[in-house]
Amino acid sequence: MEDKVSGNGRTSAVSVDRRRNPRIQLLGRLHGNVVALEVAVTVTEISLGGMAIETEIDFPRGAEHEFQLTLGDDSTVRLKGRVAHSQKLAGDSPRFLSGIEFVEEADTE
């Protein structure tokens, strides 16, 4: 976030996207699960570098997990990722939004 001073002397917040890879917001949600935990995930955004997911559990920052995603043609793909952040979403039921950055196989060994 940066502050900018406008012509009238007031400061206004300007959002700066620092991601290396642009995210694609998914219109039809992509579903999958965390393999070891058998926890369902809904992918809300995805890029070459990571994804944003909604789950019923909170993930600790830095945790690494393997995710299995089901594509539109019912094929599946497995991806490894590290939790960059997680926050509780507003509402009655417990839902969390987590940012996942993909990791290479060599990073986990």
PDB file of N, CA and C in Angstrom:
ATOM      1  N   MET A   1       0.827  -1.165   0.000  1.00  0.00           N
ATOM      2  CA  MET A   1       0.000   0.000   0.000  1.00  0.00           C
ATOM      3  C   MET A   1       0.886   1.247   0.000  1.00  0.00           C
ATOM      4  N   GLU A   2       0.546   2.207  -0.805  1.00  0.00           N
ATOM      5  CA  GLU A   2       1.269   3.473  -0.840  1.00  0.00           C
ATOM      6  C   GLU A   2       0.304   4.591  -0.537  1.00  0.00           C
ATOM      7  N   ASP A   3       0.814   5.690   0.035  1.00  0.00           N
ATOM      8  CA  ASP A   3      -0.003   6.880   0.225  1.00  0.00           C
ATOM      9  C   ASP A   3       0.373   7.886  -0.840  1.00  0.00           C
ATOM     10  N   LYS A   4      -0.621   8.547  -1.386  1.00  0.00           N
ATOM     11  CA  LYS A   4      -0.398   9.586  -2.383  1.00  0.00           C
ATOM     12  C   LYS A   4      -1.093  10.841  -1.922  1.00  0.00           C
ATOM     13  N   VAL A   5      -0.486  11.957  -2.136  1.00  0.00           N
ATOM     14  CA  VAL A   5      -1.112  13.227  -1.805  1.00  0.00           C
ATOM     15  C   VAL A   5      -1.771  13.753  -3.060  1.00  0.00           C
ATOM     16  N   SER A   6      -3.075  14.035  -2.943  1.00  0.00           N
ATOM     17  CA  SER A   6      -3.804  14.554  -4.096  1.00  0.00           C
ATOM     18  C   SER A   6      -3.644  16.064  -4.151  1.00  0.00           C
ATOM     19  N   GLY A   7      -4.167  16.649  -5.201  1.00  0.00           N
ATOM     20  CA  GLY A   7      -4.061  18.086  -5.406  1.00  0.00           C
ATOM     21  C   GLY A   7      -4.682  18.913  -4.289  1.00  0.00           C
ATOM     22  N   ASN A   8      -5.642  18.334  -3.547  1.00  0.00           N
ATOM     23  CA  ASN A   8      -6.281  19.088  -2.481  1.00  0.00           C
ATOM     24  C   ASN A   8      -5.581  18.917  -1.133  1.00  0.00           C
ATOM     25  N   GLY A   9      -4.431  18.249  -1.114  1.00  0.00           N
ATOM     26  CA  GLY A   9      -3.660  18.098   0.110  1.00  0.00           C
ATOM     27  C   GLY A   9      -4.035  16.879   0.937  1.00  0.00           C
ATOM     28  N   ARG A  10      -5.076  16.157   0.561  1.00  0.00           N
ATOM     29  CA  ARG A  10      -5.477  14.957   1.294  1.00  0.00           C
ATOM     30  C   ARG A  10      -4.674  13.761   0.801  1.00  0.00           C
ATOM     31  N   THR A  11      -4.483  12.814   1.694  1.00  0.00           N
ATOM     32  CA  THR A  11      -3.819  11.578   1.281  1.00  0.00           C
ATOM     33  C   THR A  11      -4.871  10.537   0.988  1.00  0.00           C
ATOM     34  N   SER A  12      -4.600   9.732  -0.014  1.00  0.00           N
ATOM     35  CA  SER A  12      -5.491   8.629  -0.354  1.00  0.00           C
ATOM     36  C   SER A  12      -4.665   7.369  -0.516  1.00  0.00           C
ATOM     37  N   ALA A  13      -5.248   6.243  -0.124  1.00  0.00           N
ATOM     38  CA  ALA A  13      -4.526   4.973  -0.231  1.00  0.00           C
ATOM     39  C   ALA A  13      -4.618   4.454  -1.652  1.00  0.00           C
ATOM     40  N   VAL A  14      -3.494   3.968  -2.165  1.00  0.00           N
ATOM     41  CA  VAL A  14      -3.431   3.382  -3.495  1.00  0.00           C
ATOM     42  C   VAL A  14      -2.891   1.977  -3.327  1.00  0.00           C
ATOM     43  N   SER A  15      -3.619   1.001  -3.828  1.00  0.00           N
ATOM     44  CA  SER A  15      -3.209  -0.392  -3.707  1.00  0.00           C
ATOM     45  C   SER A  15      -2.198  -0.729  -4.795  1.00  0.00           C
ATOM     46  N   VAL A  16      -1.145  -1.434  -4.406  1.00  0.00           N
ATOM     47  CA  VAL A  16      -0.120  -1.869  -5.348  1.00  0.00           C
ATOM     48  C   VAL A  16      -0.055  -3.381  -5.293  1.00  0.00           C
ATOM     49  N   ASP A  17      -0.258  -4.044  -6.420  1.00  0.00           N
ATOM     50  CA  ASP A  17      -0.196  -5.495  -6.488  1.00  0.00           C
ATOM     51  C   ASP A  17       1.250  -5.897  -6.701  1.00  0.00           C
ATOM     52  N   ARG A  18       1.818  -6.611  -5.738  1.00  0.00           N
ATOM     53  CA  ARG A  18       3.233  -6.987  -5.798  1.00  0.00           C
ATOM     54  C   ARG A  18       3.451  -8.431  -6.251  1.00  0.00           C
ATOM     55  N   ARG A  19       2.411  -9.087  -6.737  1.00  0.00           N
ATOM     56  CA  ARG A  19       2.546 -10.477  -7.176  1.00  0.00           C
ATOM     57  C   ARG A  19       3.397 -10.568  -8.429  1.00  0.00           C
ATOM     58  N   ARG A  20       4.173 -11.635  -8.511  1.00  0.00           N
ATOM     59  CA  ARG A  20       4.992 -11.883  -9.703  1.00  0.00           C
ATOM     60  C   ARG A  20       4.159 -12.403 -10.858  1.00  0.00           C
ATOM     61  N   ASN A  21       3.082 -13.121 -10.524  1.00  0.00           N
ATOM     62  CA  ASN A  21       2.214 -13.710 -11.544  1.00  0.00           C
ATOM     63  C   ASN A  21       0.794 -13.200 -11.335  1.00  0.00           C
ATOM     64  N   PRO A  22       0.158 -12.671 -12.387  1.00  0.00           N
ATOM     65  CA  PRO A  22      -1.219 -12.182 -12.227  1.00  0.00           C
ATOM     66  C   PRO A  22      -2.164 -13.326 -11.888  1.00  0.00           C
ATOM     67  N   ARG A  23      -3.114 -13.063 -10.998  1.00  0.00           N
ATOM     68  CA  ARG A  23      -4.098 -14.063 -10.595  1.00  0.00           C
ATOM     69  C   ARG A  23      -5.306 -14.006 -11.512  1.00  0.00           C
ATOM     70  N   ILE A  24      -5.921 -15.155 -11.703  1.00  0.00           N
ATOM     71  CA  ILE A  24      -7.143 -15.255 -12.486  1.00  0.00           C
ATOM     72  C   ILE A  24      -8.260 -15.604 -11.515  1.00  0.00           C
ATOM     73  N   GLN A  25      -9.274 -14.734 -11.444  1.00  0.00           N
ATOM     74  CA  GLN A  25     -10.424 -15.024 -10.596  1.00  0.00           C
ATOM     75  C   GLN A  25     -11.298 -16.027 -11.331  1.00  0.00           C
ATOM     76  N   LEU A  26     -11.675 -17.087 -10.642  1.00  0.00           N
ATOM     77  CA  LEU A  26     -12.427 -18.161 -11.273  1.00  0.00           C
ATOM     78  C   LEU A  26     -13.916 -17.897 -11.179  1.00  0.00           C
ATOM     79  N   LEU A  27     -14.591 -17.913 -12.343  1.00  0.00           N
ATOM     80  CA  LEU A  27     -16.038 -17.699 -12.373  1.00  0.00           C
ATOM     81  C   LEU A  27     -16.769 -18.945 -11.900  1.00  0.00           C
ATOM     82  N   GLY A  28     -16.416 -20.081 -12.457  1.00  0.00           N
ATOM     83  CA  GLY A  28     -16.923 -21.355 -11.961  1.00  0.00           C
ATOM     84  C   GLY A  28     -15.860 -21.867 -11.019  1.00  0.00           C
ATOM     85  N   ARG A  29     -16.197 -22.053  -9.794  1.00  0.00           N
ATOM     86  CA  ARG A  29     -15.183 -22.378  -8.787  1.00  0.00           C
ATOM     87  C   ARG A  29     -14.543 -23.739  -9.036  1.00  0.00           C
ATOM     88  N   LEU A  30     -13.276 -23.814  -8.746  1.00  0.00           N
ATOM     89  CA  LEU A  30     -12.490 -25.033  -8.889  1.00  0.00           C
ATOM     90  C   LEU A  30     -12.419 -25.689  -7.513  1.00  0.00           C
ATOM     91  N   HIS A  31     -12.684 -26.985  -7.437  1.00  0.00           N
ATOM     92  CA  HIS A  31     -12.719 -27.675  -6.149  1.00  0.00           C
ATOM     93  C   HIS A  31     -11.603 -28.703  -6.064  1.00  0.00           C
ATOM     94  N   GLY A  32     -11.274 -29.063  -4.842  1.00  0.00           N
ATOM     95  CA  GLY A  32     -10.258 -30.074  -4.615  1.00  0.00           C
ATOM     96  C   GLY A  32     -10.182 -30.403  -3.144  1.00  0.00           C
ATOM     97  N   ASN A  33      -9.018 -30.940  -2.726  1.00  0.00           N
ATOM     98  CA  ASN A  33      -8.825 -31.242  -1.314  1.00  0.00           C
ATOM     99  C   ASN A  33      -7.351 -31.203  -0.953  1.00  0.00           C
ATOM    100  N   VAL A  34      -7.117 -31.136   0.361  1.00  0.00           N
ATOM    101  CA  VAL A  34      -5.763 -31.264   0.894  1.00  0.00           C
ATOM    102  C   VAL A  34      -5.565 -32.758   1.095  1.00  0.00           C
ATOM    103  N   VAL A  35      -4.619 -33.340   0.384  1.00  0.00           N
ATOM    104  CA  VAL A  35      -4.488 -34.796   0.306  1.00  0.00           C
ATOM    105  C   VAL A  35      -4.346 -35.454   1.679  1.00  0.00           C
ATOM    106  N   ALA A  36      -3.382 -35.061   2.490  1.00  0.00           N
ATOM    107  CA  ALA A  36      -3.120 -35.737   3.761  1.00  0.00           C
ATOM    108  C   ALA A  36      -4.233 -35.535   4.781  1.00  0.00           C
ATOM    109  N   LEU A  37      -4.921 -34.398   4.717  1.00  0.00           N
ATOM    110  CA  LEU A  37      -5.936 -34.071   5.718  1.00  0.00           C
ATOM    111  C   LEU A  37      -7.359 -34.400   5.268  1.00  0.00           C
ATOM    112  N   GLU A  38      -7.543 -34.723   3.994  1.00  0.00           N
ATOM    113  CA  GLU A  38      -8.868 -34.953   3.420  1.00  0.00           C
ATOM    114  C   GLU A  38      -9.818 -33.793   3.733  1.00  0.00           C
ATOM    115  N   VAL A  39      -9.314 -32.569   3.559  1.00  0.00           N
ATOM    116  CA  VAL A  39     -10.082 -31.343   3.785  1.00  0.00           C
ATOM    117  C   VAL A  39     -10.454 -30.772   2.424  1.00  0.00           C
ATOM    118  N   ALA A  40     -11.736 -30.474   2.235  1.00  0.00           N
ATOM    119  CA  ALA A  40     -12.204 -29.897   0.974  1.00  0.00           C
ATOM    120  C   ALA A  40     -11.739 -28.450   0.843  1.00  0.00           C
ATOM    121  N   VAL A  41     -11.354 -28.064  -0.382  1.00  0.00           N
ATOM    122  CA  VAL A  41     -10.964 -26.680  -0.670  1.00  0.00           C
ATOM    123  C   VAL A  41     -11.732 -26.191  -1.889  1.00  0.00           C
ATOM    124  N   THR A  42     -12.002 -24.886  -1.894  1.00  0.00           N
ATOM    125  CA  THR A  42     -12.569 -24.223  -3.061  1.00  0.00           C
ATOM    126  C   THR A  42     -11.538 -23.198  -3.512  1.00  0.00           C
ATOM    127  N   VAL A  43     -11.061 -23.320  -4.742  1.00  0.00           N
ATOM    128  CA  VAL A  43     -10.078 -22.381  -5.283  1.00  0.00           C
ATOM    129  C   VAL A  43     -10.843 -21.176  -5.825  1.00  0.00           C
ATOM    130  N   THR A  44     -10.511 -19.973  -5.329  1.00  0.00           N
ATOM    131  CA  THR A  44     -11.198 -18.759  -5.781  1.00  0.00           C
ATOM    132  C   THR A  44     -10.367 -17.968  -6.785  1.00  0.00           C
ATOM    133  N   GLU A  45      -9.040 -18.078  -6.700  1.00  0.00           N
ATOM    134  CA  GLU A  45      -8.126 -17.447  -7.660  1.00  0.00           C
ATOM    135  C   GLU A  45      -6.945 -18.375  -7.860  1.00  0.00           C
ATOM    136  N   ILE A  46      -6.325 -18.291  -9.045  1.00  0.00           N
ATOM    137  CA  ILE A  46      -5.148 -19.124  -9.307  1.00  0.00           C
ATOM    138  C   ILE A  46      -4.232 -18.398 -10.276  1.00  0.00           C
ATOM    139  N   SER A  47      -2.933 -18.663 -10.139  1.00  0.00           N
ATOM    140  CA  SER A  47      -1.937 -18.127 -11.064  1.00  0.00           C
ATOM    141  C   SER A  47      -0.838 -19.175 -11.215  1.00  0.00           C
ATOM    142  N   LEU A  48       0.179 -18.860 -11.988  1.00  0.00           N
ATOM    143  CA  LEU A  48       1.303 -19.785 -12.128  1.00  0.00           C
ATOM    144  C   LEU A  48       2.067 -19.932 -10.814  1.00  0.00           C
ATOM    145  N   GLY A  49       1.986 -18.929  -9.942  1.00  0.00           N
ATOM    146  CA  GLY A  49       2.751 -18.945  -8.694  1.00  0.00           C
ATOM    147  C   GLY A  49       1.990 -19.378  -7.461  1.00  0.00           C
ATOM    148  N   GLY A  50       0.652 -19.428  -7.531  1.00  0.00           N
ATOM    149  CA  GLY A  50      -0.100 -19.794  -6.333  1.00  0.00           C
ATOM    150  C   GLY A  50      -1.590 -19.726  -6.543  1.00  0.00           C
ATOM    151  N   MET A  51      -2.318 -19.833  -5.422  1.00  0.00           N
ATOM    152  CA  MET A  51      -3.773 -19.808  -5.490  1.00  0.00           C
ATOM    153  C   MET A  51      -4.339 -19.303  -4.167  1.00  0.00           C
ATOM    154  N   ALA A  52      -5.573 -18.848  -4.226  1.00  0.00           N
ATOM    155  CA  ALA A  52      -6.326 -18.486  -3.029  1.00  0.00           C
ATOM    156  C   ALA A  52      -7.398 -19.549  -2.850  1.00  0.00           C
ATOM    157  N   ILE A  53      -7.519 -20.071  -1.616  1.00  0.00           N
ATOM    158  CA  ILE A  53      -8.486 -21.133  -1.359  1.00  0.00           C
ATOM    159  C   ILE A  53      -9.364 -20.781  -0.161  1.00  0.00           C
ATOM    160  N   GLU A  54     -10.574 -21.316  -0.180  1.00  0.00           N
ATOM    161  CA  GLU A  54     -11.475 -21.227   0.964  1.00  0.00           C
ATOM    162  C   GLU A  54     -11.618 -22.622   1.547  1.00  0.00           C
ATOM    163  N   THR A  55     -11.545 -22.699   2.892  1.00  0.00           N
ATOM    164  CA  THR A  55     -11.681 -23.967   3.601  1.00  0.00           C
ATOM    165  C   THR A  55     -12.453 -23.753   4.896  1.00  0.00           C
ATOM    166  N   GLU A  56     -12.782 -24.850   5.561  1.00  0.00           N
ATOM    167  CA  GLU A  56     -13.444 -24.779   6.865  1.00  0.00           C
ATOM    168  C   GLU A  56     -12.444 -24.774   8.013  1.00  0.00           C
ATOM    169  N   ILE A  57     -11.151 -24.957   7.706  1.00  0.00           N
ATOM    170  CA  ILE A  57     -10.139 -24.940   8.761  1.00  0.00           C
ATOM    171  C   ILE A  57      -9.101 -23.861   8.462  1.00  0.00           C
ATOM    172  N   ASP A  58      -8.453 -23.408   9.531  1.00  0.00           N
ATOM    173  CA  ASP A  58      -7.396 -22.406   9.421  1.00  0.00           C
ATOM    174  C   ASP A  58      -6.062 -23.131   9.247  1.00  0.00           C
ATOM    175  N   PHE A  59      -5.255 -22.690   8.305  1.00  0.00           N
ATOM    176  CA  PHE A  59      -3.938 -23.277   8.090  1.00  0.00           C
ATOM    177  C   PHE A  59      -2.871 -22.378   8.688  1.00  0.00           C
ATOM    178  N   PRO A  60      -1.896 -22.947   9.408  1.00  0.00           N
ATOM    179  CA  PRO A  60      -0.809 -22.115   9.934  1.00  0.00           C
ATOM    180  C   PRO A  60       0.105 -21.633   8.811  1.00  0.00           C
ATOM    181  N   ARG A  61       0.563 -20.407   8.944  1.00  0.00           N
ATOM    182  CA  ARG A  61       1.474 -19.821   7.950  1.00  0.00           C
ATOM    183  C   ARG A  61       2.752 -20.667   7.868  1.00  0.00           C
ATOM    184  N   GLY A  62       3.204 -20.916   6.653  1.00  0.00           N
ATOM    185  CA  GLY A  62       4.425 -21.683   6.426  1.00  0.00           C
ATOM    186  C   GLY A  62       4.206 -23.179   6.254  1.00  0.00           C
ATOM    187  N   ALA A  63       3.019 -23.688   6.603  1.00  0.00           N
ATOM    188  CA  ALA A  63       2.738 -25.123   6.459  1.00  0.00           C
ATOM    189  C   ALA A  63       2.730 -25.497   4.979  1.00  0.00           C
ATOM    190  N   GLU A  64       3.254 -26.668   4.662  1.00  0.00           N
ATOM    191  CA  GLU A  64       3.259 -27.148   3.281  1.00  0.00           C
ATOM    192  C   GLU A  64       2.295 -28.318   3.148  1.00  0.00           C
ATOM    193  N   HIS A  65       1.533 -28.310   2.064  1.00  0.00           N
ATOM    194  CA  HIS A  65       0.537 -29.345   1.826  1.00  0.00           C
ATOM    195  C   HIS A  65       0.518 -29.717   0.349  1.00  0.00           C
ATOM    196  N   GLU A  66       0.003 -30.909   0.075  1.00  0.00           N
ATOM    197  CA  GLU A  66      -0.241 -31.336  -1.301  1.00  0.00           C
ATOM    198  C   GLU A  66      -1.739 -31.199  -1.553  1.00  0.00           C
ATOM    199  N   PHE A  67      -2.089 -30.546  -2.651  1.00  0.00           N
ATOM    200  CA  PHE A  67      -3.477 -30.297  -3.011  1.00  0.00           C
ATOM    201  C   PHE A  67      -3.811 -31.092  -4.261  1.00  0.00           C
ATOM    202  N   GLN A  68      -4.974 -31.723  -4.267  1.00  0.00           N
ATOM    203  CA  GLN A  68      -5.470 -32.397  -5.461  1.00  0.00           C
ATOM    204  C   GLN A  68      -6.674 -31.619  -5.953  1.00  0.00           C
ATOM    205  N   LEU A  69      -6.592 -31.113  -7.172  1.00  0.00           N
ATOM    206  CA  LEU A  69      -7.665 -30.318  -7.759  1.00  0.00           C
ATOM    207  C   LEU A  69      -8.340 -31.103  -8.875  1.00  0.00           C
ATOM    208  N   THR A  70      -9.661 -30.993  -8.948  1.00  0.00           N
ATOM    209  CA  THR A  70     -10.426 -31.655 -10.008  1.00  0.00           C
ATOM    210  C   THR A  70     -10.793 -30.615 -11.052  1.00  0.00           C
ATOM    211  N   LEU A  71     -10.399 -30.866 -12.284  1.00  0.00           N
ATOM    212  CA  LEU A  71     -10.629 -29.932 -13.376  1.00  0.00           C
ATOM    213  C   LEU A  71     -12.003 -30.167 -14.003  1.00  0.00           C
ATOM    214  N   GLY A  72     -12.403 -29.286 -14.905  1.00  0.00           N
ATOM    215  CA  GLY A  72     -13.715 -29.348 -15.549  1.00  0.00           C
ATOM    216  C   GLY A  72     -14.007 -30.645 -16.264  1.00  0.00           C
ATOM    217  N   ASP A  73     -12.970 -31.308 -16.784  1.00  0.00           N
ATOM    218  CA  ASP A  73     -13.176 -32.578 -17.497  1.00  0.00           C
ATOM    219  C   ASP A  73     -13.019 -33.785 -16.567  1.00  0.00           C
ATOM    220  N   ASP A  74     -13.060 -33.542 -15.255  1.00  0.00           N
ATOM    221  CA  ASP A  74     -12.929 -34.554 -14.195  1.00  0.00           C
ATOM    222  C   ASP A  74     -11.522 -35.144 -14.079  1.00  0.00           C
ATOM    223  N   SER A  75     -10.554 -34.602 -14.799  1.00  0.00           N
ATOM    224  CA  SER A  75      -9.176 -35.023 -14.581  1.00  0.00           C
ATOM    225  C   SER A  75      -8.675 -34.335 -13.305  1.00  0.00           C
ATOM    226  N   THR A  76      -7.616 -34.866 -12.714  1.00  0.00           N
ATOM    227  CA  THR A  76      -7.095 -34.285 -11.483  1.00  0.00           C
ATOM    228  C   THR A  76      -5.635 -33.885 -11.662  1.00  0.00           C
ATOM    229  N   VAL A  77      -5.218 -32.948 -10.839  1.00  0.00           N
ATOM    230  CA  VAL A  77      -3.831 -32.507 -10.816  1.00  0.00           C
ATOM    231  C   VAL A  77      -3.427 -32.343  -9.356  1.00  0.00           C
ATOM    232  N   ARG A  78      -2.186 -32.712  -9.036  1.00  0.00           N
ATOM    233  CA  ARG A  78      -1.663 -32.551  -7.676  1.00  0.00           C
ATOM    234  C   ARG A  78      -0.597 -31.468  -7.684  1.00  0.00           C
ATOM    235  N   LEU A  79      -0.711 -30.562  -6.715  1.00  0.00           N
ATOM    236  CA  LEU A  79       0.218 -29.441  -6.592  1.00  0.00           C
ATOM    237  C   LEU A  79       0.660 -29.324  -5.147  1.00  0.00           C
ATOM    238  N   LYS A  80       1.925 -28.970  -4.944  1.00  0.00           N
ATOM    239  CA  LYS A  80       2.414 -28.727  -3.584  1.00  0.00           C
ATOM    240  C   LYS A  80       2.450 -27.231  -3.352  1.00  0.00           C
ATOM    241  N   GLY A  81       2.055 -26.828  -2.141  1.00  0.00           N
ATOM    242  CA  GLY A  81       2.026 -25.408  -1.841  1.00  0.00           C
ATOM    243  C   GLY A  81       2.327 -25.111  -0.389  1.00  0.00           C
ATOM    244  N   ARG A  82       2.773 -23.880  -0.158  1.00  0.00           N
ATOM    245  CA  ARG A  82       3.093 -23.371   1.180  1.00  0.00           C
ATOM    246  C   ARG A  82       2.098 -22.272   1.526  1.00  0.00           C
ATOM    247  N   VAL A  83       1.568 -22.289   2.743  1.00  0.00           N
ATOM    248  CA  VAL A  83       0.600 -21.290   3.179  1.00  0.00           C
ATOM    249  C   VAL A  83       1.324 -19.960   3.413  1.00  0.00           C
ATOM    250  N   ALA A  84       0.936 -18.941   2.650  1.00  0.00           N
ATOM    251  CA  ALA A  84       1.527 -17.610   2.801  1.00  0.00           C
ATOM    252  C   ALA A  84       0.763 -16.791   3.832  1.00  0.00           C
ATOM    253  N   HIS A  85      -0.562 -16.978   3.885  1.00  0.00           N
ATOM    254  CA  HIS A  85      -1.399 -16.280   4.866  1.00  0.00           C
ATOM    255  C   HIS A  85      -2.743 -16.970   4.949  1.00  0.00           C
ATOM    256  N   SER A  86      -3.461 -16.725   6.055  1.00  0.00           N
ATOM    257  CA  SER A  86      -4.794 -17.279   6.237  1.00  0.00           C
ATOM    258  C   SER A  86      -5.579 -16.330   7.124  1.00  0.00           C
ATOM    259  N   GLN A  87      -6.857 -16.108   6.775  1.00  0.00           N
ATOM    260  CA  GLN A  87      -7.691 -15.220   7.582  1.00  0.00           C
ATOM    261  C   GLN A  87      -9.114 -15.759   7.644  1.00  0.00           C
ATOM    262  N   LYS A  88      -9.785 -15.493   8.761  1.00  0.00           N
ATOM    263  CA  LYS A  88     -11.176 -15.924   8.940  1.00  0.00           C
ATOM    264  C   LYS A  88     -12.078 -15.002   8.137  1.00  0.00           C
ATOM    265  N   LEU A  89     -13.041 -15.603   7.443  1.00  0.00           N
ATOM    266  CA  LEU A  89     -14.019 -14.838   6.684  1.00  0.00           C
ATOM    267  C   LEU A  89     -15.225 -14.535   7.565  1.00  0.00           C
ATOM    268  N   ALA A  90     -15.880 -13.413   7.318  1.00  0.00           N
ATOM    269  CA  ALA A  90     -17.071 -13.038   8.077  1.00  0.00           C
ATOM    270  C   ALA A  90     -18.203 -14.002   7.766  1.00  0.00           C
ATOM    271  N   GLY A  91     -19.031 -14.267   8.756  1.00  0.00           N
ATOM    272  CA  GLY A  91     -20.175 -15.149   8.555  1.00  0.00           C
ATOM    273  C   GLY A  91     -20.394 -16.047   9.750  1.00  0.00           C
ATOM    274  N   ASP A  92     -21.494 -16.781   9.716  1.00  0.00           N
ATOM    275  CA  ASP A  92     -21.857 -17.652  10.835  1.00  0.00           C
ATOM    276  C   ASP A  92     -21.029 -18.928  10.883  1.00  0.00           C
ATOM    277  N   SER A  93     -20.770 -19.523   9.723  1.00  0.00           N
ATOM    278  CA  SER A  93     -19.999 -20.762   9.706  1.00  0.00           C
ATOM    279  C   SER A  93     -18.510 -20.444   9.588  1.00  0.00           C
ATOM    280  N   PRO A  94     -17.671 -21.286  10.183  1.00  0.00           N
ATOM    281  CA  PRO A  94     -16.228 -21.024  10.091  1.00  0.00           C
ATOM    282  C   PRO A  94     -15.711 -21.268   8.669  1.00  0.00           C
ATOM    283  N   ARG A  95     -15.224 -20.226   8.019  1.00  0.00           N
ATOM    284  CA  ARG A  95     -14.624 -20.304   6.682  1.00  0.00           C
ATOM    285  C   ARG A  95     -13.360 -19.463   6.717  1.00  0.00           C
ATOM    286  N   PHE A  96     -12.320 -19.939   6.054  1.00  0.00           N
ATOM    287  CA  PHE A  96     -11.037 -19.254   6.028  1.00  0.00           C
ATOM    288  C   PHE A  96     -10.575 -19.077   4.592  1.00  0.00           C
ATOM    289  N   LEU A  97      -9.941 -17.949   4.322  1.00  0.00           N
ATOM    290  CA  LEU A  97      -9.335 -17.664   3.031  1.00  0.00           C
ATOM    291  C   LEU A  97      -7.834 -17.732   3.214  1.00  0.00           C
ATOM    292  N   SER A  98      -7.178 -18.595   2.454  1.00  0.00           N
ATOM    293  CA  SER A  98      -5.734 -18.780   2.571  1.00  0.00           C
ATOM    294  C   SER A  98      -5.050 -18.546   1.239  1.00  0.00           C
ATOM    295  N   GLY A  99      -3.900 -17.918   1.289  1.00  0.00           N
ATOM    296  CA  GLY A  99      -3.058 -17.739   0.115  1.00  0.00           C
ATOM    297  C   GLY A  99      -1.996 -18.820   0.096  1.00  0.00           C
ATOM    298  N   ILE A 100      -1.913 -19.535  -1.006  1.00  0.00           N
ATOM    299  CA  ILE A 100      -0.978 -20.653  -1.151  1.00  0.00           C
ATOM    300  C   ILE A 100       0.011 -20.319  -2.251  1.00  0.00           C
ATOM    301  N   GLU A 101       1.317 -20.428  -1.946  1.00  0.00           N
ATOM    302  CA  GLU A 101       2.310 -20.268  -3.014  1.00  0.00           C
ATOM    303  C   GLU A 101       2.826 -21.648  -3.372  1.00  0.00           C
ATOM    304  N   PHE A 102       2.832 -21.942  -4.679  1.00  0.00           N
ATOM    305  CA  PHE A 102       3.284 -23.245  -5.143  1.00  0.00           C
ATOM    306  C   PHE A 102       4.771 -23.395  -4.881  1.00  0.00           C
ATOM    307  N   VAL A 103       5.184 -24.616  -4.528  1.00  0.00           N
ATOM    308  CA  VAL A 103       6.594 -24.916  -4.294  1.00  0.00           C
ATOM    309  C   VAL A 103       7.025 -26.024  -5.241  1.00  0.00           C
ATOM    310  N   GLU A 104       8.266 -25.964  -5.624  1.00  0.00           N
ATOM    311  CA  GLU A 104       8.846 -26.992  -6.486  1.00  0.00           C
ATOM    312  C   GLU A 104       9.172 -28.210  -5.647  1.00  0.00           C
ATOM    313  N   GLU A 105       9.215 -29.363  -6.253  1.00  0.00           N
ATOM    314  CA  GLU A 105       9.567 -30.601  -5.555  1.00  0.00           C
ATOM    315  C   GLU A 105      10.889 -30.459  -4.808  1.00  0.00           C
ATOM    316  N   ALA A 106      11.881 -29.828  -5.411  1.00  0.00           N
ATOM    317  CA  ALA A 106      13.198 -29.681  -4.789  1.00  0.00           C
ATOM    318  C   ALA A 106      13.138 -28.845  -3.522  1.00  0.00           C
ATOM    319  N   ASP A 107      12.164 -27.922  -3.394  1.00  0.00           N
ATOM    320  CA  ASP A 107      12.038 -27.083  -2.194  1.00  0.00           C
ATOM    321  C   ASP A 107      11.591 -27.879  -0.973  1.00  0.00           C
ATOM    322  N   THR A 108      10.903 -28.988  -1.157  1.00  0.00           N
ATOM    323  CA  THR A 108      10.348 -29.733  -0.029  1.00  0.00           C
ATOM    324  C   THR A 108      11.255 -30.846   0.460  1.00  0.00           C
ATOM    325  N   GLU A 109      12.313 -31.154  -0.256  1.00  0.00           N
ATOM    326  CA  GLU A 109      13.192 -32.252   0.144  1.00  0.00           C
ATOM    327  C   GLU A 109      14.388 -31.741   0.885  1.00  0.00           C
TER     328      GLU A 109
END
